[in-house]
């Protein structure tokens, strides 16, 4: 399954810090593909916030919690009035799937054009 990314043996990444990932031999790689471009791996602020939340509750958006509502309200307050609905999903793939389903429902068409 890793042949898409690697001409030979796949990398075995064991840790990451900032914009870099490190393999089992300590070799450093610039991370250009993971979803950490905004703050990097192991960012102290993110670790602190995640730890604080996990000490309180560690679950997903399947259950109601005030923090989900508060986050959605803070997020939509930064957007134009027409963008007043917030959908919380757990990945880019899930977000793309939802966007496609919403577009199909709204337009009434099933056809899609994509670019590779």
Protein backbone atom coordinates (compact mmCIF):
# COMPACT_ATOMS: atom_id res chain seq x y z
CA UNK A 1 0.00 0.00 0.00
CA UNK A 2 2.98 2.34 0.36
CA UNK A 3 4.18 1.89 -3.22
CA UNK A 4 2.41 5.10 -4.20
CA UNK A 5 4.80 7.11 -2.01
CA UNK A 6 8.01 5.07 -1.99
CA UNK A 7 10.13 3.63 -4.80
CA UNK A 8 11.58 1.07 -2.37
CA UNK A 9 11.21 0.30 1.33
CA UNK A 10 8.68 2.53 3.11
CA UNK A 11 9.82 4.88 5.87
CA UNK A 12 9.31 3.86 9.47
CA UNK A 13 8.63 7.16 11.22
CA UNK A 14 8.93 6.93 15.01
CA UNK A 15 8.59 10.55 16.18
CA UNK A 16 8.10 14.12 15.01
CA UNK A 17 8.87 17.63 16.24
CA UNK A 18 7.90 20.91 14.58
CA UNK A 19 8.04 20.52 10.82
CA UNK A 20 10.23 17.40 10.92
CA UNK A 21 9.65 13.67 11.21
CA UNK A 22 12.34 11.20 12.25
CA UNK A 23 12.79 7.60 11.19
CA UNK A 24 13.98 4.68 13.31
CA UNK A 25 17.62 5.52 12.46
CA UNK A 26 17.28 9.17 13.51
CA UNK A 27 17.19 10.50 9.92
CA UNK A 28 15.29 13.81 9.70
CA UNK A 29 12.62 14.45 7.03
CA UNK A 30 10.73 17.65 6.27
CA UNK A 31 7.03 16.87 6.63
CA UNK A 32 5.24 18.26 3.58
CA UNK A 33 2.19 15.99 3.51
CA UNK A 34 0.70 15.56 7.00
CA UNK A 35 -1.91 17.90 8.44
CA UNK A 36 0.49 19.78 10.71
CA UNK A 37 1.44 22.70 8.48
CA UNK A 38 -0.17 25.30 10.77
CA UNK A 39 1.55 24.53 14.07
CA UNK A 40 3.86 21.57 13.48
CA UNK A 41 4.20 18.29 15.34
CA UNK A 42 4.30 18.29 19.15
CA UNK A 43 3.50 22.00 19.49
CA UNK A 44 3.54 22.83 23.24
CA UNK A 45 0.32 24.89 23.10
CA UNK A 46 -1.57 22.12 21.30
CA UNK A 47 -0.24 19.47 23.69
CA UNK A 48 -1.27 21.58 26.69
CA UNK A 49 -4.78 22.19 25.30
CA UNK A 50 -5.24 18.53 24.31
CA UNK A 51 -4.03 17.31 27.70
CA UNK A 52 -6.37 19.70 29.50
CA UNK A 53 -9.32 18.46 27.41
CA UNK A 54 -8.40 14.77 27.79
CA UNK A 55 -8.18 15.20 31.57
CA UNK A 56 -11.79 16.38 31.45
CA UNK A 57 -13.27 14.19 28.71
CA UNK A 58 -11.87 12.23 25.78
CA UNK A 59 -14.59 11.39 23.27
CA UNK A 60 -15.71 12.32 19.78
CA UNK A 61 -18.49 14.47 18.36
CA UNK A 62 -21.04 11.64 18.47
CA UNK A 63 -22.17 12.85 21.91
CA UNK A 64 -23.46 16.28 22.90
CA UNK A 65 -21.06 18.51 24.81
CA UNK A 66 -21.13 22.27 25.43
CA UNK A 67 -17.60 22.70 24.03
CA UNK A 68 -18.77 21.54 20.58
CA UNK A 69 -21.55 24.14 20.55
CA UNK A 70 -19.26 26.89 21.86
CA UNK A 71 -16.62 26.08 19.24
CA UNK A 72 -19.19 26.10 16.43
CA UNK A 73 -20.56 29.45 17.64
CA UNK A 74 -17.08 31.00 17.83
CA UNK A 75 -16.21 29.67 14.38
CA UNK A 76 -19.39 30.79 12.63
CA UNK A 77 -19.16 34.23 14.30
CA UNK A 78 -16.08 34.86 12.13
CA UNK A 79 -17.94 34.05 8.90
CA UNK A 80 -20.52 35.88 6.76
CA UNK A 81 -24.19 35.40 7.78
CA UNK A 82 -24.83 33.00 4.88
CA UNK A 83 -22.21 30.64 6.34
CA UNK A 84 -23.94 30.18 9.67
CA UNK A 85 -24.02 26.38 9.84
CA UNK A 86 -21.10 24.35 11.14
CA UNK A 87 -20.58 20.62 10.56
CA UNK A 88 -17.99 18.93 12.79
CA UNK A 89 -16.25 15.95 11.20
CA UNK A 90 -13.13 14.00 12.10
CA UNK A 91 -11.06 14.09 8.91
CA UNK A 92 -10.51 15.74 5.55
CA UNK A 93 -11.95 12.67 3.83
CA UNK A 94 -15.11 12.88 5.90
CA UNK A 95 -15.36 16.62 5.20
CA UNK A 96 -14.99 16.04 1.44
CA UNK A 97 -17.62 13.29 1.53
CA UNK A 98 -20.05 15.53 3.39
CA UNK A 99 -19.40 18.47 1.04
CA UNK A 100 -20.10 16.26 -1.98
CA UNK A 101 -23.34 14.94 -0.47
CA UNK A 102 -24.49 18.45 0.46
CA UNK A 103 -23.70 19.78 -3.03
CA UNK A 104 -25.58 16.92 -4.67
CA UNK A 105 -28.58 17.47 -2.41
CA UNK A 106 -28.59 21.24 -2.94
CA UNK A 107 -28.17 21.16 -6.72
CA UNK A 108 -30.16 18.01 -7.41
CA UNK A 109 -27.42 16.65 -9.67
CA UNK A 110 -25.20 13.59 -9.25
CA UNK A 111 -22.48 14.55 -11.73
CA UNK A 112 -19.09 15.62 -10.36
CA UNK A 113 -15.96 16.97 -12.03
CA UNK A 114 -12.69 16.44 -10.17
CA UNK A 115 -9.08 17.36 -10.85
CA UNK A 116 -6.15 15.11 -10.06
